[in-house]
Amino acid sequence: MMTVTGVGRLTRDPETKAVNDTCVCEFSLAVNEYRKVGDERKKFAHFFDFVIWDKAAEVIATYCKKGDLLEVRATPRQDRWEDDAGNKRSRIIFRVDEFSLLPRGSSPNNKETVENTEEEVAPF
């Protein structure tokens, strides 16, 4: 099984719904990648979708909003389906296993801030 860990900013407010009396929260994170292109260091943004369940979903929904910084450990899942026209479709969504709410105003490039954060960690 593959697990990924990363830090990113919420691209929108988390969205919640109830599934069989269980809270489910979906959100997207923007993650920056820095690469050298020619003589310049350039920033490239990537966007990833996440889902989290139960009490941890309630924490995200209650305390997080667009622009907040999160550190997540998640497992990728591939959803596959057929659309109305019969075309096969798929998408990758990450199921959050653990997360940390990082302090407002911190930077994902500041490793000391990320490593020394003792905010609530919610195991999934």
PDB file of N, CA and C in Angstrom:
ATOM      1  N   MET A   1       0.840  -1.173   0.000  1.00  0.00           N
ATOM      2  CA  MET A   1       0.000   0.000   0.000  1.00  0.00           C
ATOM      3  C   MET A   1       0.890   1.242   0.000  1.00  0.00           C
ATOM      4  N   MET A   2       0.522   2.237  -0.776  1.00  0.00           N
ATOM      5  CA  MET A   2       1.265   3.478  -0.865  1.00  0.00           C
ATOM      6  C   MET A   2       0.689   4.510   0.091  1.00  0.00           C
ATOM      7  N   THR A   3       1.557   5.237   0.779  1.00  0.00           N
ATOM      8  CA  THR A   3       1.138   6.332   1.646  1.00  0.00           C
ATOM      9  C   THR A   3       1.971   7.550   1.289  1.00  0.00           C
ATOM     10  N   VAL A   4       1.328   8.717   1.266  1.00  0.00           N
ATOM     11  CA  VAL A   4       2.031   9.963   0.971  1.00  0.00           C
ATOM     12  C   VAL A   4       1.855  10.921   2.136  1.00  0.00           C
ATOM     13  N   THR A   5       2.853  11.765   2.334  1.00  0.00           N
ATOM     14  CA  THR A   5       2.805  12.795   3.360  1.00  0.00           C
ATOM     15  C   THR A   5       3.154  14.111   2.698  1.00  0.00           C
ATOM     16  N   GLY A   6       2.408  15.153   3.027  1.00  0.00           N
ATOM     17  CA  GLY A   6       2.687  16.445   2.437  1.00  0.00           C
ATOM     18  C   GLY A   6       2.004  17.572   3.177  1.00  0.00           C
ATOM     19  N   VAL A   7       2.371  18.781   2.792  1.00  0.00           N
ATOM     20  CA  VAL A   7       1.817  20.000   3.369  1.00  0.00           C
ATOM     21  C   VAL A   7       1.253  20.832   2.238  1.00  0.00           C
ATOM     22  N   GLY A   8       0.048  21.347   2.440  1.00  0.00           N
ATOM     23  CA  GLY A   8      -0.566  22.195   1.417  1.00  0.00           C
ATOM     24  C   GLY A   8      -1.625  23.106   2.012  1.00  0.00           C
ATOM     25  N   ARG A   9      -2.112  24.017   1.181  1.00  0.00           N
ATOM     26  CA  ARG A   9      -3.158  24.955   1.601  1.00  0.00           C
ATOM     27  C   ARG A   9      -4.494  24.543   1.010  1.00  0.00           C
ATOM     28  N   LEU A  10      -5.544  24.685   1.814  1.00  0.00           N
ATOM     29  CA  LEU A  10      -6.894  24.400   1.339  1.00  0.00           C
ATOM     30  C   LEU A  10      -7.250  25.360   0.208  1.00  0.00           C
ATOM     31  N   THR A  11      -7.756  24.828  -0.896  1.00  0.00           N
ATOM     32  CA  THR A  11      -8.108  25.659  -2.042  1.00  0.00           C
ATOM     33  C   THR A  11      -9.529  26.209  -1.943  1.00  0.00           C
ATOM     34  N   ARG A  12     -10.319  25.636  -1.035  1.00  0.00           N
ATOM     35  CA  ARG A  12     -11.696  26.092  -0.794  1.00  0.00           C
ATOM     36  C   ARG A  12     -12.098  25.607   0.595  1.00  0.00           C
ATOM     37  N   ASP A  13     -13.219  26.094   1.102  1.00  0.00           N
ATOM     38  CA  ASP A  13     -13.709  25.607   2.382  1.00  0.00           C
ATOM     39  C   ASP A  13     -14.058  24.128   2.248  1.00  0.00           C
ATOM     40  N   PRO A  14     -13.785  23.331   3.293  1.00  0.00           N
ATOM     41  CA  PRO A  14     -14.128  21.911   3.248  1.00  0.00           C
ATOM     42  C   PRO A  14     -15.634  21.711   3.081  1.00  0.00           C
ATOM     43  N   GLU A  15     -16.010  20.657   2.359  1.00  0.00           N
ATOM     44  CA  GLU A  15     -17.422  20.336   2.139  1.00  0.00           C
ATOM     45  C   GLU A  15     -17.748  19.053   2.892  1.00  0.00           C
ATOM     46  N   THR A  16     -18.844  19.075   3.666  1.00  0.00           N
ATOM     47  CA  THR A  16     -19.222  17.892   4.431  1.00  0.00           C
ATOM     48  C   THR A  16     -20.588  17.379   4.001  1.00  0.00           C
ATOM     49  N   LYS A  17     -20.780  16.088   4.261  1.00  0.00           N
ATOM     50  CA  LYS A  17     -22.081  15.457   4.041  1.00  0.00           C
ATOM     51  C   LYS A  17     -22.164  14.271   4.987  1.00  0.00           C
ATOM     52  N   ALA A  18     -23.368  13.766   5.175  1.00  0.00           N
ATOM     53  CA  ALA A  18     -23.572  12.592   6.024  1.00  0.00           C
ATOM     54  C   ALA A  18     -23.817  11.382   5.135  1.00  0.00           C
ATOM     55  N   VAL A  19     -23.115  10.298   5.422  1.00  0.00           N
ATOM     56  CA  VAL A  19     -23.310   9.036   4.726  1.00  0.00           C
ATOM     57  C   VAL A  19     -23.590   7.990   5.802  1.00  0.00           C
ATOM     58  N   ASN A  20     -24.827   7.485   5.828  1.00  0.00           N
ATOM     59  CA  ASN A  20     -25.231   6.519   6.859  1.00  0.00           C
ATOM     60  C   ASN A  20     -24.878   7.010   8.266  1.00  0.00           C
ATOM     61  N   ASP A  21     -25.248   8.243   8.575  1.00  0.00           N
ATOM     62  CA  ASP A  21     -25.001   8.870   9.883  1.00  0.00           C
ATOM     63  C   ASP A  21     -23.526   9.054  10.214  1.00  0.00           C
ATOM     64  N   THR A  22     -22.668   9.022   9.214  1.00  0.00           N
ATOM     65  CA  THR A  22     -21.239   9.259   9.396  1.00  0.00           C
ATOM     66  C   THR A  22     -20.850  10.518   8.643  1.00  0.00           C
ATOM     67  N   CYS A  23     -20.092  11.391   9.299  1.00  0.00           N
ATOM     68  CA  CYS A  23     -19.637  12.629   8.657  1.00  0.00           C
ATOM     69  C   CYS A  23     -18.502  12.331   7.676  1.00  0.00           C
ATOM     70  N   VAL A  24     -18.637  12.862   6.474  1.00  0.00           N
ATOM     71  CA  VAL A  24     -17.609  12.737   5.439  1.00  0.00           C
ATOM     72  C   VAL A  24     -17.248  14.143   4.993  1.00  0.00           C
ATOM     73  N   CYS A  25     -15.972  14.424   4.923  1.00  0.00           N
ATOM     74  CA  CYS A  25     -15.509  15.754   4.529  1.00  0.00           C
ATOM     75  C   CYS A  25     -14.565  15.615   3.335  1.00  0.00           C
ATOM     76  N   GLU A  26     -14.811  16.429   2.309  1.00  0.00           N
ATOM     77  CA  GLU A  26     -13.935  16.466   1.142  1.00  0.00           C
ATOM     78  C   GLU A  26     -13.303  17.846   1.045  1.00  0.00           C
ATOM     79  N   PHE A  27     -12.034  17.876   0.648  1.00  0.00           N
ATOM     80  CA  PHE A  27     -11.331  19.144   0.471  1.00  0.00           C
ATOM     81  C   PHE A  27     -10.203  18.949  -0.527  1.00  0.00           C
ATOM     82  N   SER A  28      -9.675  20.060  -1.014  1.00  0.00           N
ATOM     83  CA  SER A  28      -8.546  20.033  -1.946  1.00  0.00           C
ATOM     84  C   SER A  28      -7.399  20.825  -1.355  1.00  0.00           C
ATOM     85  N   LEU A  29      -6.175  20.355  -1.618  1.00  0.00           N
ATOM     86  CA  LEU A  29      -4.976  21.060  -1.186  1.00  0.00           C
ATOM     87  C   LEU A  29      -4.155  21.473  -2.398  1.00  0.00           C
ATOM     88  N   ALA A  30      -3.608  22.669  -2.322  1.00  0.00           N
ATOM     89  CA  ALA A  30      -2.642  23.136  -3.309  1.00  0.00           C
ATOM     90  C   ALA A  30      -1.252  22.892  -2.731  1.00  0.00           C
ATOM     91  N   VAL A  31      -0.408  22.239  -3.520  1.00  0.00           N
ATOM     92  CA  VAL A  31       0.944  21.907  -3.092  1.00  0.00           C
ATOM     93  C   VAL A  31       1.900  22.487  -4.126  1.00  0.00           C
ATOM     94  N   ASN A  32       2.892  23.232  -3.657  1.00  0.00           N
ATOM     95  CA  ASN A  32       3.845  23.860  -4.566  1.00  0.00           C
ATOM     96  C   ASN A  32       5.077  22.978  -4.768  1.00  0.00           C
ATOM     97  N   GLU A  33       5.551  22.992  -5.996  1.00  0.00           N
ATOM     98  CA  GLU A  33       6.790  22.310  -6.358  1.00  0.00           C
ATOM     99  C   GLU A  33       7.706  23.368  -6.944  1.00  0.00           C
ATOM    100  N   TYR A  34       8.970  23.337  -6.556  1.00  0.00           N
ATOM    101  CA  TYR A  34       9.939  24.297  -7.075  1.00  0.00           C
ATOM    102  C   TYR A  34      10.946  23.547  -7.935  1.00  0.00           C
ATOM    103  N   ARG A  35      11.141  24.051  -9.170  1.00  0.00           N
ATOM    104  CA  ARG A  35      12.081  23.434 -10.114  1.00  0.00           C
ATOM    105  C   ARG A  35      12.953  24.497 -10.745  1.00  0.00           C
ATOM    106  N   LYS A  36      14.140  24.086 -11.093  1.00  0.00           N
ATOM    107  CA  LYS A  36      15.021  24.981 -11.824  1.00  0.00           C
ATOM    108  C   LYS A  36      14.693  24.852 -13.302  1.00  0.00           C
ATOM    109  N   VAL A  37      14.353  25.961 -13.932  1.00  0.00           N
ATOM    110  CA  VAL A  37      14.063  26.012 -15.359  1.00  0.00           C
ATOM    111  C   VAL A  37      15.035  27.031 -15.955  1.00  0.00           C
ATOM    112  N   GLY A  38      16.003  26.508 -16.694  1.00  0.00           N
ATOM    113  CA  GLY A  38      17.061  27.392 -17.190  1.00  0.00           C
ATOM    114  C   GLY A  38      17.875  27.883 -16.005  1.00  0.00           C
ATOM    115  N   ASP A  39      17.967  29.214 -15.887  1.00  0.00           N
ATOM    116  CA  ASP A  39      18.699  29.800 -14.762  1.00  0.00           C
ATOM    117  C   ASP A  39      17.774  30.238 -13.636  1.00  0.00           C
ATOM    118  N   GLU A  40      16.473  30.019 -13.793  1.00  0.00           N
ATOM    119  CA  GLU A  40      15.499  30.475 -12.809  1.00  0.00           C
ATOM    120  C   GLU A  40      14.923  29.327 -11.991  1.00  0.00           C
ATOM    121  N   ARG A  41      14.555  29.639 -10.777  1.00  0.00           N
ATOM    122  CA  ARG A  41      13.820  28.694  -9.934  1.00  0.00           C
ATOM    123  C   ARG A  41      12.342  29.068 -10.055  1.00  0.00           C
ATOM    124  N   LYS A  42      11.524  28.147 -10.566  1.00  0.00           N
ATOM    125  CA  LYS A  42      10.108  28.428 -10.803  1.00  0.00           C
ATOM    126  C   LYS A  42       9.229  27.591  -9.895  1.00  0.00           C
ATOM    127  N   LYS A  43       8.065  28.168  -9.585  1.00  0.00           N
ATOM    128  CA  LYS A  43       7.089  27.494  -8.732  1.00  0.00           C
ATOM    129  C   LYS A  43       5.967  26.945  -9.599  1.00  0.00           C
ATOM    130  N   PHE A  44       5.606  25.674  -9.346  1.00  0.00           N
ATOM    131  CA  PHE A  44       4.501  25.025 -10.035  1.00  0.00           C
ATOM    132  C   PHE A  44       3.512  24.548  -8.979  1.00  0.00           C
ATOM    133  N   ALA A  45       2.239  24.870  -9.157  1.00  0.00           N
ATOM    134  CA  ALA A  45       1.207  24.459  -8.210  1.00  0.00           C
ATOM    135  C   ALA A  45       0.528  23.187  -8.703  1.00  0.00           C
ATOM    136  N   HIS A  46       0.271  22.284  -7.770  1.00  0.00           N
ATOM    137  CA  HIS A  46      -0.455  21.044  -8.052  1.00  0.00           C
ATOM    138  C   HIS A  46      -1.641  20.984  -7.097  1.00  0.00           C
ATOM    139  N   PHE A  47      -2.737  20.393  -7.533  1.00  0.00           N
ATOM    140  CA  PHE A  47      -3.960  20.360  -6.744  1.00  0.00           C
ATOM    141  C   PHE A  47      -4.406  18.916  -6.566  1.00  0.00           C
ATOM    142  N   PHE A  48      -4.701  18.539  -5.311  1.00  0.00           N
ATOM    143  CA  PHE A  48      -5.059  17.168  -4.987  1.00  0.00           C
ATOM    144  C   PHE A  48      -6.340  17.143  -4.159  1.00  0.00           C
ATOM    145  N   ASP A  49      -7.181  16.137  -4.393  1.00  0.00           N
ATOM    146  CA  ASP A  49      -8.445  15.974  -3.681  1.00  0.00           C
ATOM    147  C   ASP A  49      -8.278  14.971  -2.550  1.00  0.00           C
ATOM    148  N   PHE A  50      -8.921  15.275  -1.399  1.00  0.00           N
ATOM    149  CA  PHE A  50      -8.830  14.444  -0.208  1.00  0.00           C
ATOM    150  C   PHE A  50     -10.216  14.177   0.353  1.00  0.00           C
ATOM    151  N   VAL A  51     -10.349  13.049   1.067  1.00  0.00           N
ATOM    152  CA  VAL A  51     -11.575  12.716   1.786  1.00  0.00           C
ATOM    153  C   VAL A  51     -11.172  12.206   3.166  1.00  0.00           C
ATOM    154  N   ILE A  52     -11.985  12.551   4.167  1.00  0.00           N
ATOM    155  CA  ILE A  52     -11.740  12.106   5.534  1.00  0.00           C
ATOM    156  C   ILE A  52     -13.094  11.812   6.178  1.00  0.00           C
ATOM    157  N   TRP A  53     -13.136  10.850   7.104  1.00  0.00           N
ATOM    158  CA  TRP A  53     -14.389  10.358   7.668  1.00  0.00           C
ATOM    159  C   TRP A  53     -14.442  10.542   9.181  1.00  0.00           C
ATOM    160  N   ASP A  54     -15.641  10.391   9.737  1.00  0.00           N
ATOM    161  CA  ASP A  54     -15.921  10.314  11.173  1.00  0.00           C
ATOM    162  C   ASP A  54     -15.552  11.596  11.921  1.00  0.00           C
ATOM    163  N   LYS A  55     -15.060  11.441  13.153  1.00  0.00           N
ATOM    164  CA  LYS A  55     -14.751  12.592  14.022  1.00  0.00           C
ATOM    165  C   LYS A  55     -13.682  13.485  13.411  1.00  0.00           C
ATOM    166  N   ALA A  56     -12.704  12.883  12.741  1.00  0.00           N
ATOM    167  CA  ALA A  56     -11.657  13.683  12.102  1.00  0.00           C
ATOM    168  C   ALA A  56     -12.254  14.594  11.035  1.00  0.00           C
ATOM    169  N   ALA A  57     -13.281  14.124  10.338  1.00  0.00           N
ATOM    170  CA  ALA A  57     -13.964  14.949   9.331  1.00  0.00           C
ATOM    171  C   ALA A  57     -14.636  16.143  10.000  1.00  0.00           C
ATOM    172  N   GLU A  58     -15.209  15.918  11.166  1.00  0.00           N
ATOM    173  CA  GLU A  58     -15.854  17.009  11.905  1.00  0.00           C
ATOM    174  C   GLU A  58     -14.836  18.063  12.336  1.00  0.00           C
ATOM    175  N   VAL A  59     -13.629  17.617  12.730  1.00  0.00           N
ATOM    176  CA  VAL A  59     -12.566  18.555  13.126  1.00  0.00           C
ATOM    177  C   VAL A  59     -12.175  19.430  11.939  1.00  0.00           C
ATOM    178  N   ILE A  60     -11.931  18.815  10.789  1.00  0.00           N
ATOM    179  CA  ILE A  60     -11.567  19.577   9.583  1.00  0.00           C
ATOM    180  C   ILE A  60     -12.676  20.573   9.239  1.00  0.00           C
ATOM    181  N   ALA A  61     -13.916  20.106   9.238  1.00  0.00           N
ATOM    182  CA  ALA A  61     -15.049  20.963   8.871  1.00  0.00           C
ATOM    183  C   ALA A  61     -15.222  22.128   9.841  1.00  0.00           C
ATOM    184  N   THR A  62     -14.943  21.903  11.109  1.00  0.00           N
ATOM    185  CA  THR A  62     -15.137  22.928  12.132  1.00  0.00           C
ATOM    186  C   THR A  62     -14.014  23.956  12.159  1.00  0.00           C
ATOM    187  N   TYR A  63     -12.769  23.509  12.045  1.00  0.00           N
ATOM    188  CA  TYR A  63     -11.628  24.382  12.300  1.00  0.00           C
ATOM    189  C   TYR A  63     -10.872  24.858  11.065  1.00  0.00           C
ATOM    190  N   CYS A  64     -11.201  24.351   9.880  1.00  0.00           N
ATOM    191  CA  CYS A  64     -10.422  24.705   8.688  1.00  0.00           C
ATOM    192  C   CYS A  64     -11.250  25.483   7.689  1.00  0.00           C
ATOM    193  N   LYS A  65     -10.552  26.375   6.972  1.00  0.00           N
ATOM    194  CA  LYS A  65     -11.197  27.131   5.907  1.00  0.00           C
ATOM    195  C   LYS A  65     -10.187  27.372   4.785  1.00  0.00           C
ATOM    196  N   LYS A  66     -10.681  27.886   3.683  1.00  0.00           N
ATOM    197  CA  LYS A  66      -9.834  28.168   2.519  1.00  0.00           C
ATOM    198  C   LYS A  66      -8.586  28.933   2.955  1.00  0.00           C
ATOM    199  N   GLY A  67      -7.427  28.471   2.471  1.00  0.00           N
ATOM    200  CA  GLY A  67      -6.163  29.136   2.765  1.00  0.00           C
ATOM    201  C   GLY A  67      -5.404  28.556   3.940  1.00  0.00           C
ATOM    202  N   ASP A  68      -6.068  27.765   4.789  1.00  0.00           N
ATOM    203  CA  ASP A  68      -5.386  27.171   5.937  1.00  0.00           C
ATOM    204  C   ASP A  68      -4.370  26.128   5.480  1.00  0.00           C
ATOM    205  N   LEU A  69      -3.340  25.972   6.273  1.00  0.00           N
ATOM    206  CA  LEU A  69      -2.252  25.054   5.978  1.00  0.00           C
ATOM    207  C   LEU A  69      -2.448  23.751   6.749  1.00  0.00           C
ATOM    208  N   LEU A  70      -2.389  22.629   6.037  1.00  0.00           N
ATOM    209  CA  LEU A  70      -2.546  21.304   6.646  1.00  0.00           C
ATOM    210  C   LEU A  70      -1.374  20.415   6.265  1.00  0.00           C
ATOM    211  N   GLU A  71      -0.983  19.581   7.206  1.00  0.00           N
ATOM    212  CA  GLU A  71      -0.050  18.502   6.906  1.00  0.00           C
ATOM    213  C   GLU A  71      -0.877  17.224   6.942  1.00  0.00           C
ATOM    214  N   VAL A  72      -0.782  16.402   5.915  1.00  0.00           N
ATOM    215  CA  VAL A  72      -1.588  15.191   5.846  1.00  0.00           C
ATOM    216  C   VAL A  72      -0.718  13.972   5.539  1.00  0.00           C
ATOM    217  N   ARG A  73      -1.177  12.825   6.033  1.00  0.00           N
ATOM    218  CA  ARG A  73      -0.649  11.527   5.614  1.00  0.00           C
ATOM    219  C   ARG A  73      -1.854  10.807   5.049  1.00  0.00           C
ATOM    220  N   ALA A  74      -1.771  10.378   3.809  1.00  0.00           N
ATOM    221  CA  ALA A  74      -2.953   9.850   3.126  1.00  0.00           C
ATOM    222  C   ALA A  74      -2.585   8.693   2.201  1.00  0.00           C
ATOM    223  N   THR A  75      -3.623   7.920   1.855  1.00  0.00           N
ATOM    224  CA  THR A  75      -3.493   6.771   0.973  1.00  0.00           C
ATOM    225  C   THR A  75      -4.286   7.052  -0.301  1.00  0.00           C
ATOM    226  N   PRO A  76      -3.655   6.936  -1.482  1.00  0.00           N
ATOM    227  CA  PRO A  76      -4.390   7.191  -2.725  1.00  0.00           C
ATOM    228  C   PRO A  76      -5.369   6.070  -3.051  1.00  0.00           C
ATOM    229  N   ARG A  77      -6.495   6.460  -3.595  1.00  0.00           N
ATOM    230  CA  ARG A  77      -7.525   5.516  -4.057  1.00  0.00           C
ATOM    231  C   ARG A  77      -7.931   5.935  -5.465  1.00  0.00           C
ATOM    232  N   GLN A  78      -8.246   4.965  -6.296  1.00  0.00           N
ATOM    233  CA  GLN A  78      -8.712   5.267  -7.645  1.00  0.00           C
ATOM    234  C   GLN A  78     -10.188   4.923  -7.745  1.00  0.00           C
ATOM    235  N   ASP A  79     -10.988   5.936  -8.059  1.00  0.00           N
ATOM    236  CA  ASP A  79     -12.412   5.726  -8.333  1.00  0.00           C
ATOM    237  C   ASP A  79     -12.566   5.503  -9.833  1.00  0.00           C
ATOM    238  N   ARG A  80     -13.320   4.475 -10.213  1.00  0.00           N
ATOM    239  CA  ARG A  80     -13.585   4.196 -11.631  1.00  0.00           C
ATOM    240  C   ARG A  80     -15.090   4.095 -11.827  1.00  0.00           C
ATOM    241  N   TRP A  81     -15.574   4.648 -12.953  1.00  0.00           N
ATOM    242  CA  TRP A  81     -16.998   4.582 -13.262  1.00  0.00           C
ATOM    243  C   TRP A  81     -17.201   4.816 -14.742  1.00  0.00           C
ATOM    244  N   GLU A  82     -18.404   4.590 -15.185  1.00  0.00           N
ATOM    245  CA  GLU A  82     -18.799   4.875 -16.557  1.00  0.00           C
ATOM    246  C   GLU A  82     -19.750   6.056 -16.539  1.00  0.00           C
ATOM    247  N   ASP A  83     -19.504   7.036 -17.414  1.00  0.00           N
ATOM    248  CA  ASP A  83     -20.408   8.182 -17.468  1.00  0.00           C
ATOM    249  C   ASP A  83     -21.662   7.814 -18.268  1.00  0.00           C
ATOM    250  N   ASP A  84     -22.583   8.767 -18.391  1.00  0.00           N
ATOM    251  CA  ASP A  84     -23.856   8.525 -19.077  1.00  0.00           C
ATOM    252  C   ASP A  84     -23.679   8.118 -20.536  1.00  0.00           C
ATOM    253  N   ALA A  85     -22.565   8.561 -21.154  1.00  0.00           N
ATOM    254  CA  ALA A  85     -22.311   8.230 -22.556  1.00  0.00           C
ATOM    255  C   ALA A  85     -21.580   6.894 -22.714  1.00  0.00           C
ATOM    256  N   GLY A  86     -21.299   6.217 -21.601  1.00  0.00           N
ATOM    257  CA  GLY A  86     -20.618   4.930 -21.673  1.00  0.00           C
ATOM    258  C   GLY A  86     -19.105   5.030 -21.671  1.00  0.00           C
ATOM    259  N   ASN A  87     -18.558   6.231 -21.488  1.00  0.00           N
ATOM    260  CA  ASN A  87     -17.104   6.411 -21.440  1.00  0.00           C
ATOM    261  C   ASN A  87     -16.574   6.018 -20.061  1.00  0.00           C
ATOM    262  N   LYS A  88     -15.438   5.322 -20.051  1.00  0.00           N
ATOM    263  CA  LYS A  88     -14.818   4.955 -18.784  1.00  0.00           C
ATOM    264  C   LYS A  88     -14.100   6.167 -18.217  1.00  0.00           C
ATOM    265  N   ARG A  89     -14.324   6.416 -16.945  1.00  0.00           N
ATOM    266  CA  ARG A  89     -13.730   7.573 -16.267  1.00  0.00           C
ATOM    267  C   ARG A  89     -13.022   7.086 -15.004  1.00  0.00           C
ATOM    268  N   SER A  90     -12.080   7.873 -14.515  1.00  0.00           N
ATOM    269  CA  SER A  90     -11.428   7.566 -13.242  1.00  0.00           C
ATOM    270  C   SER A  90     -10.841   8.840 -12.657  1.00  0.00           C
ATOM    271  N   ARG A  91     -10.584   8.792 -11.351  1.00  0.00           N
ATOM    272  CA  ARG A  91      -9.900   9.892 -10.674  1.00  0.00           C
ATOM    273  C   ARG A  91      -9.195   9.324  -9.460  1.00  0.00           C
ATOM    274  N   ILE A  92      -8.149   9.997  -9.047  1.00  0.00           N
ATOM    275  CA  ILE A  92      -7.415   9.624  -7.843  1.00  0.00           C
ATOM    276  C   ILE A  92      -7.857  10.575  -6.736  1.00  0.00           C
ATOM    277  N   ILE A  93      -8.231  10.016  -5.603  1.00  0.00           N
ATOM    278  CA  ILE A  93      -8.575  10.794  -4.419  1.00  0.00           C
ATOM    279  C   ILE A  93      -7.795  10.190  -3.256  1.00  0.00           C
ATOM    280  N   PHE A  94      -7.303  11.041  -2.367  1.00  0.00           N
ATOM    281  CA  PHE A  94      -6.504  10.580  -1.237  1.00  0.00           C
ATOM    282  C   PHE A  94      -7.375  10.482   0.007  1.00  0.00           C
ATOM    283  N   ARG A  95      -7.349   9.322   0.664  1.00  0.00           N
ATOM    284  CA  ARG A  95      -8.068   9.133   1.917  1.00  0.00           C
ATOM    285  C   ARG A  95      -7.099   9.471   3.051  1.00  0.00           C
ATOM    286  N   VAL A  96      -7.470  10.467   3.856  1.00  0.00           N
ATOM    287  CA  VAL A  96      -6.594  10.964   4.912  1.00  0.00           C
ATOM    288  C   VAL A  96      -6.539   9.968   6.060  1.00  0.00           C
ATOM    289  N   ASP A  97      -5.305   9.602   6.450  1.00  0.00           N
ATOM    290  CA  ASP A  97      -5.078   8.712   7.577  1.00  0.00           C
ATOM    291  C   ASP A  97      -4.793   9.519   8.849  1.00  0.00           C
ATOM    292  N   GLU A  98      -4.008  10.583   8.721  1.00  0.00           N
ATOM    293  CA  GLU A  98      -3.658  11.475   9.829  1.00  0.00           C
ATOM    294  C   GLU A  98      -3.496  12.878   9.274  1.00  0.00           C
ATOM    295  N   PHE A  99      -3.695  13.862  10.135  1.00  0.00           N
ATOM    296  CA  PHE A  99      -3.462  15.242   9.716  1.00  0.00           C
ATOM    297  C   PHE A  99      -3.047  16.088  10.901  1.00  0.00           C
ATOM    298  N   SER A 100      -2.421  17.229  10.599  1.00  0.00           N
ATOM    299  CA  SER A 100      -2.070  18.231  11.598  1.00  0.00           C
ATOM    300  C   SER A 100      -2.560  19.569  11.097  1.00  0.00           C
ATOM    301  N   LEU A 101      -3.199  20.312  11.976  1.00  0.00           N
ATOM    302  CA  LEU A 101      -3.588  21.679  11.663  1.00  0.00           C
ATOM    303  C   LEU A 101      -2.371  22.542  11.965  1.00  0.00           C
ATOM    304  N   LEU A 102      -1.837  23.213  10.967  1.00  0.00           N
ATOM    305  CA  LEU A 102      -0.645  24.022  11.164  1.00  0.00           C
ATOM    306  C   LEU A 102      -1.054  25.450  11.509  1.00  0.00           C
ATOM    307  N   PRO A 103      -0.204  26.155  12.246  1.00  0.00           N
ATOM    308  CA  PRO A 103      -0.559  27.508  12.680  1.00  0.00           C
ATOM    309  C   PRO A 103      -0.824  28.437  11.508  1.00  0.00           C
ATOM    310  N   ARG A 104      -1.796  29.302  11.687  1.00  0.00           N
ATOM    311  CA  ARG A 104      -2.080  30.306  10.662  1.00  0.00           C
ATOM    312  C   ARG A 104      -0.852  31.192  10.485  1.00  0.00           C
ATOM    313  N   GLY A 105      -0.566  31.525   9.243  1.00  0.00           N
ATOM    314  CA  GLY A 105       0.576  32.379   8.956  1.00  0.00           C
ATOM    315  C   GLY A 105       1.882  31.619   8.800  1.00  0.00           C
ATOM    316  N   SER A 106       1.879  30.297   8.998  1.00  0.00           N
ATOM    317  CA  SER A 106       3.113  29.536   8.811  1.00  0.00           C
ATOM    318  C   SER A 106       3.296  29.254   7.325  1.00  0.00           C
ATOM    319  N   SER A 107       4.481  28.842   6.982  1.00  0.00           N
ATOM    320  CA  SER A 107       4.816  28.589   5.589  1.00  0.00           C
ATOM    321  C   SER A 107       5.169  27.123   5.399  1.00  0.00           C
ATOM    322  N   PRO A 108       4.705  26.504   4.310  1.00  0.00           N
ATOM    323  CA  PRO A 108       5.072  25.105   4.081  1.00  0.00           C
ATOM    324  C   PRO A 108       6.557  24.922   3.828  1.00  0.00           C
ATOM    325  N   ASN A 109       7.275  26.000   3.483  1.00  0.00           N
ATOM    326  CA  ASN A 109       8.708  25.900   3.225  1.00  0.00           C
ATOM    327  C   ASN A 109       9.524  26.023   4.497  1.00  0.00           C
ATOM    328  N   ASN A 110       8.866  26.351   5.618  1.00  0.00           N
ATOM    329  CA  ASN A 110       9.556  26.503   6.886  1.00  0.00           C
ATOM    330  C   ASN A 110       9.509  25.180   7.626  1.00  0.00           C
ATOM    331  N   LYS A 111      10.502  24.324   7.396  1.00  0.00           N
ATOM    332  CA  LYS A 111      10.488  22.972   7.971  1.00  0.00           C
ATOM    333  C   LYS A 111      10.468  23.009   9.489  1.00  0.00           C
ATOM    334  N   GLU A 112      11.115  23.974  10.090  1.00  0.00           N
ATOM    335  CA  GLU A 112      11.140  24.034  11.549  1.00  0.00           C
ATOM    336  C   GLU A 112       9.722  24.208  12.095  1.00  0.00           C
ATOM    337  N   THR A 113       8.916  25.052  11.456  1.00  0.00           N
ATOM    338  CA  THR A 113       7.540  25.266  11.897  1.00  0.00           C
ATOM    339  C   THR A 113       6.737  23.978  11.775  1.00  0.00           C
ATOM    340  N   VAL A 114       6.888  23.279  10.656  1.00  0.00           N
ATOM    341  CA  VAL A 114       6.117  22.056  10.432  1.00  0.00           C
ATOM    342  C   VAL A 114       6.522  20.987  11.436  1.00  0.00           C
ATOM    343  N   GLU A 115       7.819  20.790  11.656  1.00  0.00           N
ATOM    344  CA  GLU A 115       8.281  19.725  12.540  1.00  0.00           C
ATOM    345  C   GLU A 115       7.977  20.005  14.006  1.00  0.00           C
ATOM    346  N   ASN A 116       7.948  21.278  14.391  1.00  0.00           N
ATOM    347  CA  ASN A 116       7.752  21.616  15.794  1.00  0.00           C
ATOM    348  C   ASN A 116       6.296  21.914  16.133  1.00  0.00           C
ATOM    349  N   THR A 117       5.392  21.776  15.206  1.00  0.00           N
ATOM    350  CA  THR A 117       3.984  22.032  15.465  1.00  0.00           C
ATOM    351  C   THR A 117       3.423  20.940  16.353  1.00  0.00           C
ATOM    352  N   GLU A 118       2.757  21.333  17.428  1.00  0.00           N
ATOM    353  CA  GLU A 118       2.149  20.353  18.312  1.00  0.00           C
ATOM    354  C   GLU A 118       0.641  20.561  18.353  1.00  0.00           C
ATOM    355  N   GLU A 119       0.063  20.885  17.209  1.00  0.00           N
ATOM    356  CA  GLU A 119      -1.374  21.037  17.082  1.00  0.00           C
ATOM    357  C   GLU A 119      -2.024  19.652  17.177  1.00  0.00           C
ATOM    358  N   GLU A 120      -3.323  19.616  17.193  1.00  0.00           N
ATOM    359  CA  GLU A 120      -4.046  18.354  17.300  1.00  0.00           C
ATOM    360  C   GLU A 120      -3.769  17.475  16.082  1.00  0.00           C
ATOM    361  N   VAL A 121      -3.421  16.232  16.345  1.00  0.00           N
ATOM    362  CA  VAL A 121      -3.253  15.248  15.288  1.00  0.00           C
ATOM    363  C   VAL A 121      -4.371  14.249  15.456  1.00  0.00           C
ATOM    364  N   ALA A 122      -5.146  14.065  14.396  1.00  0.00           N
ATOM    365  CA  ALA A 122      -6.292  13.159  14.479  1.00  0.00           C
ATOM    366  C   ALA A 122      -6.008  11.902  13.681  1.00  0.00           C
ATOM    367  N   PRO A 123      -5.725  10.784  14.355  1.00  0.00           N
ATOM    368  CA  PRO A 123      -5.542   9.538  13.600  1.00  0.00           C
ATOM    369  C   PRO A 123      -6.863   9.094  13.030  1.00  0.00           C
ATOM    370  N   PHE A 124      -6.809   8.479  11.859  1.00  0.00           N
ATOM    371  CA  PHE A 124      -8.048   8.039  11.205  1.00  0.00           C
ATOM    372  C   PHE A 124      -8.279   6.582  11.454  1.00  0.00           C
TER     373      PHE A 124
END
